[in-house]
C-alpha atoms as a PDB file:
ATOM      1  CA  MET A   1      14.616   9.415 -23.223  1.00  0.00           C
ATOM      2  CA  ILE A   2      12.378   9.398 -20.373  1.00  0.00           C
ATOM      3  CA  THR A   3       8.981   7.544 -20.305  1.00  0.00           C
ATOM      4  CA  GLY A   4       5.833   9.198 -19.393  1.00  0.00           C
ATOM      5  CA  ASP A   5       5.297   6.941 -16.539  1.00  0.00           C
ATOM      6  CA  THR A   6       3.892   8.296 -13.248  1.00  0.00           C
ATOM      7  CA  PHE A   7       7.267   7.720 -11.534  1.00  0.00           C
ATOM      8  CA  PHE A   8       9.202   9.785 -13.871  1.00  0.00           C
ATOM      9  CA  THR A   9       6.530  12.589 -13.895  1.00  0.00           C
ATOM     10  CA  THR A  10       6.354  12.712 -10.056  1.00  0.00           C
ATOM     11  CA  HIS A  11      10.275  13.145 -10.227  1.00  0.00           C
ATOM     12  CA  GLN A  12      10.381  15.337 -13.041  1.00  0.00           C
ATOM     13  CA  ASP A  13      12.394  18.202 -11.239  1.00  0.00           C
ATOM     14  CA  GLN A  14      15.034  15.707  -9.743  1.00  0.00           C
ATOM     15  CA  ILE A  15      15.262  14.072 -13.287  1.00  0.00           C
ATOM     16  CA  VAL A  16      16.063  17.735 -14.728  1.00  0.00           C
ATOM     17  CA  ALA A  17      18.398  18.863 -12.020  1.00  0.00           C
ATOM     18  CA  LEU A  18      20.438  15.466 -12.741  1.00  0.00           C
ATOM     19  CA  ALA A  19      20.416  15.800 -16.537  1.00  0.00           C
ATOM     20  CA  ALA A  20      21.673  19.491 -16.112  1.00  0.00           C
ATOM     21  CA  ARG A  21      24.254  18.461 -13.675  1.00  0.00           C
ATOM     22  CA  TYR A  22      25.705  15.655 -15.840  1.00  0.00           C
ATOM     23  CA  LEU A  23      25.196  17.282 -19.081  1.00  0.00           C
ATOM     24  CA  VAL A  24      22.629  14.730 -20.465  1.00  0.00           C
ATOM     25  CA  PRO A  25      20.274  15.807 -23.287  1.00  0.00           C
ATOM     26  CA  THR A  26      16.595  14.435 -22.425  1.00  0.00           C
ATOM     27  CA  ILE A  27      13.558  14.184 -24.406  1.00  0.00           C
ATOM     28  CA  GLU A  28      10.156  13.163 -22.724  1.00  0.00           C
ATOM     29  CA  LYS A  29       6.539  13.170 -23.864  1.00  0.00           C
ATOM     30  CA  THR A  30       5.004  16.162 -22.061  1.00  0.00           C
ATOM     31  CA  ARG A  31       5.374  19.752 -22.828  1.00  0.00           C
ATOM     32  CA  GLU A  32       5.953  20.451 -19.016  1.00  0.00           C
ATOM     33  CA  PHE A  33       9.093  18.425 -18.993  1.00  0.00           C
ATOM     34  CA  ALA A  34      10.661  20.663 -21.508  1.00  0.00           C
ATOM     35  CA  VAL A  35       9.448  23.721 -19.625  1.00  0.00           C
ATOM     36  CA  ALA A  36      10.855  22.401 -16.420  1.00  0.00           C
ATOM     37  CA  GLY A  37      14.238  22.185 -18.101  1.00  0.00           C
ATOM     38  CA  GLY A  38      14.121  19.072 -20.304  1.00  0.00           C
ATOM     39  CA  LEU A  39      15.923  19.510 -23.790  1.00  0.00           C
ATOM     40  CA  MET A  40      12.675  18.616 -25.800  1.00  0.00           C
ATOM     41  CA  SER A  41       9.498  16.907 -25.792  1.00  0.00           C
ATOM     42  CA  TYR A  42       7.731  15.134 -28.535  1.00  0.00           C
ATOM     43  CA  ALA A  43       4.135  13.499 -28.019  1.00  0.00           C
ATOM     44  CA  SER A  44       0.631  13.447 -28.935  1.00  0.00           C
ATOM     45  CA  ASP A  45      -1.372  16.691 -28.734  1.00  0.00           C
ATOM     46  CA  TYR A  46      -3.438  15.935 -25.594  1.00  0.00           C
ATOM     47  CA  GLN A  47      -5.858  18.480 -26.387  1.00  0.00           C
ATOM     48  CA  ASP A  48      -6.485  16.742 -29.679  1.00  0.00           C
ATOM     49  CA  ALA A  49      -6.910  13.402 -27.944  1.00  0.00           C
ATOM     50  CA  PHE A  50      -9.406  14.596 -25.520  1.00  0.00           C
ATOM     51  CA  HIS A  51     -11.354  16.285 -28.128  1.00  0.00           C
ATOM     52  CA  LEU A  52     -11.721  12.819 -30.089  1.00  0.00           C
ATOM     53  CA  VAL A  53     -12.649  11.307 -26.505  1.00  0.00           C
ATOM     54  CA  GLY A  54     -15.565  13.786 -26.210  1.00  0.00           C
ATOM     55  CA  ASN A  55     -16.812  13.320 -29.546  1.00  0.00           C
ATOM     56  CA  PHE A  56     -16.742   9.646 -29.024  1.00  0.00           C
ATOM     57  CA  THR A  57     -18.442   9.756 -25.874  1.00  0.00           C
ATOM     58  CA  GLY A  58     -21.116  12.153 -27.404  1.00  0.00           C
ATOM     59  CA  ARG A  59     -21.946   9.775 -30.111  1.00  0.00           C
ATOM     60  CA  ILE A  60     -22.428   7.023 -27.703  1.00  0.00           C
ATOM     61  CA  LEU A  61     -24.701   8.927 -25.532  1.00  0.00           C
ATOM     62  CA  LYS A  62     -26.653   9.966 -28.526  1.00  0.00           C
ATOM     63  CA  GLY A  63     -27.559   6.184 -28.974  1.00  0.00           C
ATOM     64  CA  GLU A  64     -24.902   5.127 -31.699  1.00  0.00           C
ATOM     65  CA  ASN A  65     -24.088   1.563 -31.318  1.00  0.00           C
ATOM     66  CA  LEU A  66     -20.516   1.025 -29.944  1.00  0.00           C
ATOM     67  CA  ALA A  67     -19.777  -1.641 -32.261  1.00  0.00           C
ATOM     68  CA  ASP A  68     -20.484   0.711 -35.311  1.00  0.00           C
ATOM     69  CA  LEU A  69     -18.190   3.321 -34.311  1.00  0.00           C
ATOM     70  CA  PRO A  70     -14.632   3.523 -35.681  1.00  0.00           C
ATOM     71  CA  VAL A  71     -11.210   3.024 -33.822  1.00  0.00           C
ATOM     72  CA  GLN A  72      -9.780   6.416 -33.589  1.00  0.00           C
ATOM     73  CA  GLN A  73      -6.444   7.722 -32.065  1.00  0.00           C
ATOM     74  CA  ALA A  74      -4.942  11.096 -32.080  1.00  0.00           C
ATOM     75  CA  THR A  75      -2.575  11.845 -34.901  1.00  0.00           C
ATOM     76  CA  LYS A  76      -1.588  15.156 -34.049  1.00  0.00           C
ATOM     77  CA  VAL A  77       1.878  15.483 -32.240  1.00  0.00           C
ATOM     78  CA  LYS A  78       3.708  18.354 -30.680  1.00  0.00           C
ATOM     79  CA  LEU A  79       7.434  19.242 -30.704  1.00  0.00           C
ATOM     80  CA  VAL A  80       8.570  21.464 -27.890  1.00  0.00           C
ATOM     81  CA  LEU A  81      12.306  22.376 -28.039  1.00  0.00           C
ATOM     82  CA  ASN A  82      14.219  24.118 -25.040  1.00  0.00           C
ATOM     83  CA  SER A  83      16.954  26.352 -26.774  1.00  0.00           C
ATOM     84  CA  LYS A  84      18.222  27.566 -23.412  1.00  0.00           C
ATOM     85  CA  ILE A  85      19.122  24.103 -22.274  1.00  0.00           C
ATOM     86  CA  ALA A  86      20.581  23.091 -25.623  1.00  0.00           C
ATOM     87  CA  LYS A  87      22.904  26.313 -25.291  1.00  0.00           C
ATOM     88  CA  ALA A  88      23.888  25.066 -21.712  1.00  0.00           C
ATOM     89  CA  LEU A  89      24.676  21.671 -23.142  1.00  0.00           C
ATOM     90  CA  GLY A  90      26.521  23.017 -26.116  1.00  0.00           C
ATOM     91  CA  LEU A  91      24.083  21.928 -28.736  1.00  0.00           C
ATOM     92  CA  THR A  92      22.364  23.650 -31.517  1.00  0.00           C
ATOM     93  CA  PHE A  93      19.154  22.425 -33.003  1.00  0.00           C
ATOM     94  CA  PRO A  94      19.302  22.332 -36.850  1.00  0.00           C
ATOM     95  CA  ILE A  95      17.195  24.865 -38.730  1.00  0.00           C
ATOM     96  CA  ALA A  96      15.050  22.349 -40.074  1.00  0.00           C
ATOM     97  CA  LEU A  97      13.978  20.940 -36.607  1.00  0.00           C
ATOM     98  CA  LEU A  98      13.534  24.574 -35.221  1.00  0.00           C
ATOM     99  CA  GLY A  99      11.091  25.201 -38.353  1.00  0.00           C
ATOM    100  CA  ARG A 100       9.087  22.227 -37.431  1.00  0.00           C
ATOM    101  CA  ALA A 101       8.819  22.624 -33.591  1.00  0.00           C
ATOM    102  CA  ASP A 102       5.386  23.920 -32.238  1.00  0.00           C
ATOM    103  CA  GLU A 103       6.931  25.777 -29.611  1.00  0.00           C
ATOM    104  CA  VAL A 104      10.609  26.808 -28.864  1.00  0.00           C
ATOM    105  CA  ILE A 105      11.438  27.856 -25.228  1.00  0.00           C
ATOM    106  CA  GLU A 106      14.217  30.405 -25.279  1.00  0.00           C
END
């Protein structure tokens, strides 16, 4: 499991290459990681989070009192599976997991 720290994001290609070399399954929190060759990603839907931020900002700019606004957080998450990498690692995703995935990279 790789954290979403800037260091790891910056070295994403190296991490993916090392994971492939040593046959280590990986999970990270950005879709781009799975696209680059990670096994899977599971994280908040950033588009949904940015939408909430925009709505919240708009309410403040329209004059609503900040103390009266509710605390909100994104609740949508996205699961991206890389079946090509799973096959290279000798793994198979369960049908139930494939059915829940938002995206499966072939």
